[in-house]
C-alpha cells in the first residue's frame, strides 16, 4: 500500500482530534471522504486503527503505534524533498575539483574555507594534476571544476563543451638567487637581467606563460639567454634556488617558504608581466559548480 503524504496527514489529524467532524474541518474536506480514506488505510494495513463510537473515535493499540510511524514517514519524506531541492540548488552534494599544485597554497585554501562557511552541505573532493591533464579530465566529465594558471590550452581551442573564467590576475616578478647582485632591492628593470642566465618554462607545458616571458624580454630589448627549461613552476624554483639562473614567476610564489630565492618586482608595466588564474568547467555544469565559482570570484585576492 502506498502511504501518500495526504493519507498520513489525514490519519494524524484524526488521531489528534479524535473526531471525524473536527478532523475533516481541519483538513478542509467533508467527513465522508475522510471516513472512506481511513477505511482504505485499515484495509491496506490489515489492522484496525480506530475504535469508532457516537462520541468520536479512539485509537487502538495498533493505531497508537501507527501514529509514531506516520510521523516518522512524513519527516523522512519532508527531509528527502528538502535534500533534493538543496542538491538541485547546489547547496548539497559532491563536487570534484582539480588544481595545479602551485595554486594550492593560496586560492585553494580560500575556496575551501569559504565553502565550509557558506556551503557546508557540499563535499569537495580534490585532485592535483597538470593543466593539460586537468583540461582533458574536465572534458571527460571525471572532474567538475579545475583551477589552472595558464588557460591558453583551452582558449586556443575552445569548444561548446568548456567554459573558462579568469578570477584573479597576478604580476610577474623576478625570481633571483639570494646571492644575486640585485637580490633584496626594492625593484628591478627587466633590462638589468639581460646578461644573466635564465630558466624558463617549456613552451609545451605552459605555453602562454612561456610566451609571455620571452615577449617581455623582447619588449625590454633583449633575448633571454636560456640555460634551462622546466615543465612547471616548481622546476623553475629549483634552478633559481640552486643559484644557477634567474627567472620570471607569478608574484604569489613569494609566499612559499623557499630558501635561496628572492622575489623582486619589476619597475616597468607590461601586459606580458601579468598572468591570469582561471577556473574551467563544462558548459553543462550543475548548480554546485556555479556556486563554487561565485565563491572563488568573491574571495580571490584583489
Protein backbone atom coordinates (compact mmCIF):
# COMPACT_ATOMS: atom_id res chain seq x y z
CA UNK A 1 0.00 0.00 0.00
CA UNK A 2 1.22 3.49 -0.81
CA UNK A 3 1.30 5.84 2.18
CA UNK A 4 0.80 9.18 0.49
CA UNK A 5 1.52 12.40 2.32
CA UNK A 6 -2.18 13.31 2.21
CA UNK A 7 -3.27 9.97 3.68
CA UNK A 8 -0.77 10.18 6.52
CA UNK A 9 -1.79 13.76 7.30
CA UNK A 10 -5.46 12.72 7.37
CA UNK A 11 -4.76 9.91 9.83
CA UNK A 12 -2.69 12.13 12.12
CA UNK A 13 -5.34 14.86 12.13
CA UNK A 14 -7.97 12.32 13.12
CA UNK A 15 -5.69 10.83 15.77
CA UNK A 16 -5.22 14.26 17.33
CA UNK A 17 -8.83 15.46 17.09
CA UNK A 18 -10.43 12.05 17.87
CA UNK A 19 -13.48 13.25 15.99
CA UNK A 20 -14.30 12.87 12.29
CA UNK A 21 -16.12 16.18 12.03
CA UNK A 22 -13.39 18.28 13.65
CA UNK A 23 -10.64 16.47 11.72
CA UNK A 24 -12.49 16.97 8.42
CA UNK A 25 -12.95 20.66 9.14
CA UNK A 26 -9.24 20.99 9.99
CA UNK A 27 -8.34 19.28 6.72
CA UNK A 28 -10.78 21.45 4.71
CA UNK A 29 -12.71 18.44 3.47
CA UNK A 30 -16.07 16.79 4.13
CA UNK A 31 -16.48 13.95 6.61
CA UNK A 32 -17.45 11.06 4.25
CA UNK A 33 -14.23 11.15 2.14
CA UNK A 34 -12.19 11.21 5.37
CA UNK A 35 -14.05 8.17 6.72
CA UNK A 36 -13.54 6.35 3.41
CA UNK A 37 -9.81 7.17 3.44
CA UNK A 38 -9.43 5.71 6.93
CA UNK A 39 -11.24 2.55 5.89
CA UNK A 40 -8.87 2.15 2.92
CA UNK A 41 -5.90 2.67 5.25
CA UNK A 42 -7.12 -0.01 7.66
CA UNK A 43 -7.81 -2.44 4.81
CA UNK A 44 -4.36 -1.81 3.37
CA UNK A 45 -2.65 -2.43 6.70
CA UNK A 46 -4.91 -5.35 7.60
CA UNK A 47 -5.47 -4.00 11.12
CA UNK A 48 -8.00 -1.82 12.90
CA UNK A 49 -6.55 1.57 13.82
CA UNK A 50 -9.66 3.28 15.20
CA UNK A 51 -12.49 2.42 17.54
CA UNK A 52 -15.49 4.37 16.29
CA UNK A 53 -18.26 5.47 18.64
CA UNK A 54 -21.08 8.02 18.83
CA UNK A 55 -18.87 10.46 20.71
CA UNK A 56 -15.89 10.24 18.38
CA UNK A 57 -13.03 7.85 17.77
CA UNK A 58 -10.29 6.29 19.86
CA UNK A 59 -7.00 4.85 18.76
CA UNK A 60 -6.49 1.13 19.09
CA UNK A 61 -3.06 -0.05 20.30
CA UNK A 62 -2.16 -0.55 16.63
CA UNK A 63 -3.41 2.95 15.88
CA UNK A 64 -1.27 4.42 18.65
CA UNK A 65 1.79 2.65 17.23
CA UNK A 66 0.97 3.85 13.72
CA UNK A 67 0.90 7.49 14.89
CA UNK A 68 4.64 7.26 15.57
CA UNK A 69 5.31 5.55 12.23
CA UNK A 70 3.17 8.04 10.30
CA UNK A 71 5.04 10.98 11.78
CA UNK A 72 8.36 9.31 11.00
CA UNK A 73 7.34 8.68 7.38
CA UNK A 74 6.27 12.30 6.96
CA UNK A 75 9.55 13.51 8.45
CA UNK A 76 11.57 11.25 6.14
CA UNK A 77 9.53 12.36 3.13
CA UNK A 78 9.99 16.02 4.04
CA UNK A 79 13.74 15.60 4.58
CA UNK A 80 14.12 13.79 1.25
CA UNK A 81 12.27 16.53 -0.64
CA UNK A 82 14.31 19.23 1.07
CA UNK A 83 17.59 17.46 0.29
CA UNK A 84 16.68 17.03 -3.38
CA UNK A 85 15.89 20.73 -3.56
CA UNK A 86 19.17 21.63 -1.87
CA UNK A 87 21.14 19.44 -4.27
CA UNK A 88 19.29 20.95 -7.23
CA UNK A 89 20.24 24.43 -5.99
CA UNK A 90 23.88 23.50 -5.41
CA UNK A 91 23.72 23.52 -1.61
CA UNK A 92 24.49 19.83 -1.06
CA UNK A 93 26.29 17.03 -2.84
CA UNK A 94 29.76 16.10 -4.07
CA UNK A 95 31.97 18.26 -6.29
CA UNK A 96 35.24 17.03 -7.81
CA UNK A 97 37.76 19.87 -8.01
CA UNK A 98 41.13 19.72 -9.76
CA UNK A 99 44.05 22.12 -9.39
CA UNK A 100 47.64 22.61 -10.42
CA UNK A 101 49.96 22.21 -7.48
CA UNK A 102 51.29 25.75 -7.36
CA UNK A 103 47.78 27.15 -6.75
CA UNK A 104 47.20 25.00 -3.67
CA UNK A 105 48.82 27.45 -1.22
CA UNK A 106 46.59 30.49 -1.80
CA UNK A 107 43.47 30.17 -3.94
CA UNK A 108 42.53 26.63 -2.91
CA UNK A 109 42.54 27.33 0.86
CA UNK A 110 40.42 30.43 0.24
CA UNK A 111 37.85 28.36 -1.66
CA UNK A 112 37.76 25.55 0.92
CA UNK A 113 37.38 27.98 3.82
CA UNK A 114 34.59 29.95 2.09
CA UNK A 115 32.78 26.76 1.08
CA UNK A 116 32.93 25.40 4.64
CA UNK A 117 31.35 28.62 5.90
CA UNK A 118 28.79 29.29 3.19
CA UNK A 119 28.08 25.87 1.65
CA UNK A 120 28.62 23.36 4.47
CA UNK A 121 26.50 20.75 2.70
CA UNK A 122 28.93 20.45 -0.21
CA UNK A 123 31.66 17.81 -0.09
CA UNK A 124 34.69 18.84 -2.17
CA UNK A 125 36.99 16.09 -3.46
CA UNK A 126 40.43 17.35 -4.58
CA UNK A 127 42.68 16.13 -7.37
CA UNK A 128 46.06 17.61 -8.34
CA UNK A 129 47.49 17.31 -11.85
CA UNK A 130 48.99 19.25 -14.77
CA UNK A 131 46.97 21.84 -16.68
CA UNK A 132 46.70 19.69 -19.81
CA UNK A 133 45.52 16.64 -17.86
CA UNK A 134 43.03 18.66 -15.84
CA UNK A 135 41.50 20.09 -19.01
CA UNK A 136 41.06 16.64 -20.53
CA UNK A 137 39.62 15.32 -17.26
CA UNK A 138 37.07 18.14 -17.27
CA UNK A 139 36.18 17.29 -20.88
CA UNK A 140 35.61 13.64 -19.98
CA UNK A 141 33.37 14.56 -17.04
CA UNK A 142 35.63 12.92 -14.43
CA UNK A 143 36.13 16.36 -12.81
CA UNK A 144 33.55 19.09 -12.27
CA UNK A 145 35.81 22.11 -11.86
CA UNK A 146 39.53 22.85 -12.20
CA UNK A 147 41.77 25.77 -11.29
CA UNK A 148 44.68 26.47 -13.61
CA UNK A 149 47.17 29.25 -14.16
CA UNK A 150 47.58 29.14 -17.94
CA UNK A 151 44.20 28.93 -19.76
CA UNK A 152 45.69 29.04 -23.27
CA UNK A 153 45.31 25.28 -23.93
CA UNK A 154 41.57 25.85 -23.66
CA UNK A 155 41.11 29.33 -25.09
CA UNK A 156 43.15 28.45 -28.18
CA UNK A 157 40.85 25.51 -28.90
CA UNK A 158 37.64 26.43 -27.12
CA UNK A 159 34.59 24.31 -27.89
CA UNK A 160 30.99 24.37 -26.74
CA UNK A 161 31.93 21.78 -24.09
CA UNK A 162 34.06 24.01 -21.87
CA UNK A 163 33.83 27.40 -20.20
CA UNK A 164 36.74 29.39 -18.76
CA UNK A 165 36.52 32.11 -16.11
CA UNK A 166 39.51 34.21 -15.11
CA UNK A 167 39.09 35.09 -11.44
CA UNK A 168 42.45 36.54 -10.41
CA UNK A 169 45.35 38.38 -12.00
CA UNK A 170 48.92 38.26 -10.71
CA UNK A 171 52.01 40.24 -11.56
CA UNK A 172 55.10 38.54 -12.88
CA UNK A 173 58.21 39.29 -10.80
CA UNK A 174 61.89 38.48 -10.96
CA UNK A 175 62.99 35.35 -9.12
CA UNK A 176 66.67 35.73 -8.19
CA UNK A 177 69.14 33.59 -6.23
CA UNK A 178 69.81 35.10 -2.82
CA UNK A 179 73.43 35.80 -3.78
CA UNK A 180 72.42 37.68 -6.94
CA UNK A 181 73.66 41.25 -7.15
CA UNK A 182 70.05 42.60 -7.26
CA UNK A 183 68.54 40.35 -4.58
CA UNK A 184 66.98 42.39 -1.80
CA UNK A 185 66.46 45.53 -3.88
CA UNK A 186 63.06 47.22 -3.93
CA UNK A 187 62.60 46.73 -7.68
CA UNK A 188 64.50 45.93 -10.84
CA UNK A 189 64.21 46.73 -14.52
CA UNK A 190 63.96 43.74 -16.81
CA UNK A 191 66.93 45.06 -18.78
CA UNK A 192 69.04 44.70 -15.62
CA UNK A 193 68.88 40.94 -16.22
CA UNK A 194 69.88 40.89 -19.86
CA UNK A 195 73.30 39.37 -19.12
CA UNK A 196 72.00 36.67 -16.74
CA UNK A 197 71.28 33.03 -17.49
CA UNK A 198 67.55 32.27 -17.44
CA UNK A 199 65.49 29.19 -16.65
CA UNK A 200 62.16 29.43 -18.48
CA UNK A 201 59.03 27.37 -18.81
CA UNK A 202 58.73 24.79 -21.55
CA UNK A 203 56.52 26.00 -24.38
CA UNK A 204 54.71 22.67 -24.46
CA UNK A 205 53.81 22.59 -20.76
CA UNK A 206 52.63 26.17 -20.09
CA UNK A 207 52.72 27.85 -23.49
CA UNK A 208 51.17 31.18 -22.52
CA UNK A 209 53.47 31.82 -19.55
CA UNK A 210 56.47 30.73 -21.64
CA UNK A 211 55.45 33.07 -24.45
CA UNK A 212 54.89 35.98 -22.06
CA UNK A 213 58.38 35.66 -20.54
CA UNK A 214 60.03 35.76 -23.94
CA UNK A 215 57.86 38.64 -25.19
CA UNK A 216 58.51 40.67 -22.03
CA UNK A 217 62.27 40.31 -22.58
CA UNK A 218 61.92 41.17 -26.25
CA UNK A 219 59.90 44.25 -25.33
CA UNK A 220 62.76 45.21 -23.00
CA UNK A 221 65.19 44.95 -25.93
CA UNK A 222 66.92 41.58 -25.49
CA UNK A 223 66.54 37.85 -26.00
CA UNK A 224 66.90 35.88 -22.74
CA UNK A 225 69.89 33.56 -22.56
CA UNK A 226 68.07 30.34 -21.71
CA UNK A 227 70.29 27.95 -19.77
CA UNK A 228 67.47 25.52 -18.91
CA UNK A 229 63.75 25.00 -19.10
CA UNK A 230 61.19 23.20 -16.93
CA UNK A 231 57.73 21.76 -17.31
CA UNK A 232 56.30 23.55 -14.29
CA UNK A 233 56.92 26.40 -11.88
CA UNK A 234 58.43 24.16 -9.22
CA UNK A 235 61.15 23.22 -11.69
CA UNK A 236 61.98 26.89 -12.19
CA UNK A 237 62.23 27.35 -8.44
CA UNK A 238 64.76 24.54 -8.18
CA UNK A 239 67.13 26.13 -10.70
CA UNK A 240 66.88 29.56 -9.08
CA UNK A 241 67.36 28.19 -5.56
CA UNK A 242 70.47 26.36 -6.79
CA UNK A 243 71.93 29.75 -7.75
CA UNK A 244 72.24 28.78 -11.42
CA UNK A 245 69.67 31.03 -13.11
CA UNK A 246 67.19 33.85 -12.79
CA UNK A 247 63.56 33.51 -13.86
CA UNK A 248 60.20 35.23 -14.22
CA UNK A 249 57.43 33.93 -11.95
CA UNK A 250 53.99 34.89 -10.58
CA UNK A 251 54.31 37.09 -7.51
CA UNK A 252 52.22 34.80 -5.28
CA UNK A 253 55.16 32.41 -5.14
CA UNK A 254 56.76 34.87 -2.72
CA UNK A 255 54.54 33.35 -0.03
CA UNK A 256 56.30 30.00 -0.35
CA UNK A 257 59.00 29.27 2.27
CA UNK A 258 61.75 28.90 -0.36
CA UNK A 259 65.30 29.30 0.95
CA UNK A 260 67.74 30.69 -1.55
CA UNK A 261 65.30 32.75 -3.63
CA UNK A 262 64.49 36.47 -3.61
CA UNK A 263 61.41 37.77 -5.41
CA UNK A 264 61.77 41.34 -6.69
CA UNK A 265 59.06 43.30 -8.55
CA UNK A 266 59.75 44.90 -11.91
CA UNK A 267 59.66 48.65 -12.34
CA UNK A 268 58.11 48.58 -15.78
CA UNK A 269 54.47 47.95 -16.57
CA UNK A 270 53.79 45.50 -19.37
CA UNK A 271 50.84 43.28 -20.32
CA UNK A 272 53.38 40.46 -20.58
CA UNK A 273 54.22 40.83 -16.90
CA UNK A 274 50.77 39.75 -15.71
CA UNK A 275 49.18 36.31 -15.61
CA UNK A 276 45.61 35.09 -15.19
CA UNK A 277 44.40 32.40 -12.81
CA UNK A 278 41.33 30.71 -14.26
CA UNK A 279 38.61 28.20 -13.49
CA UNK A 280 37.42 25.76 -16.13
CA UNK A 281 34.29 23.62 -16.20
CA UNK A 282 31.91 22.01 -18.64
CA UNK A 283 29.19 24.27 -20.02
CA UNK A 284 26.55 21.88 -18.65
CA UNK A 285 27.92 22.17 -15.08
CA UNK A 286 25.41 21.87 -12.26
CA UNK A 287 24.40 24.46 -9.68
CA UNK A 288 27.08 23.43 -7.16
CA UNK A 289 29.86 24.29 -9.63
CA UNK A 290 28.39 27.74 -10.24
CA UNK A 291 28.12 28.36 -6.50
CA UNK A 292 31.82 27.48 -6.09
CA UNK A 293 32.70 29.80 -8.98
CA UNK A 294 30.84 32.58 -7.26
CA UNK A 295 32.73 31.87 -4.02
CA UNK A 296 36.19 31.87 -5.59
CA UNK A 297 35.42 35.06 -7.51
CA UNK A 298 34.27 36.85 -4.37
CA UNK A 299 37.07 35.58 -2.17
CA UNK A 300 40.03 35.84 -4.60
CA UNK A 301 42.58 38.40 -3.51
CA UNK A 302 42.12 41.74 -5.35
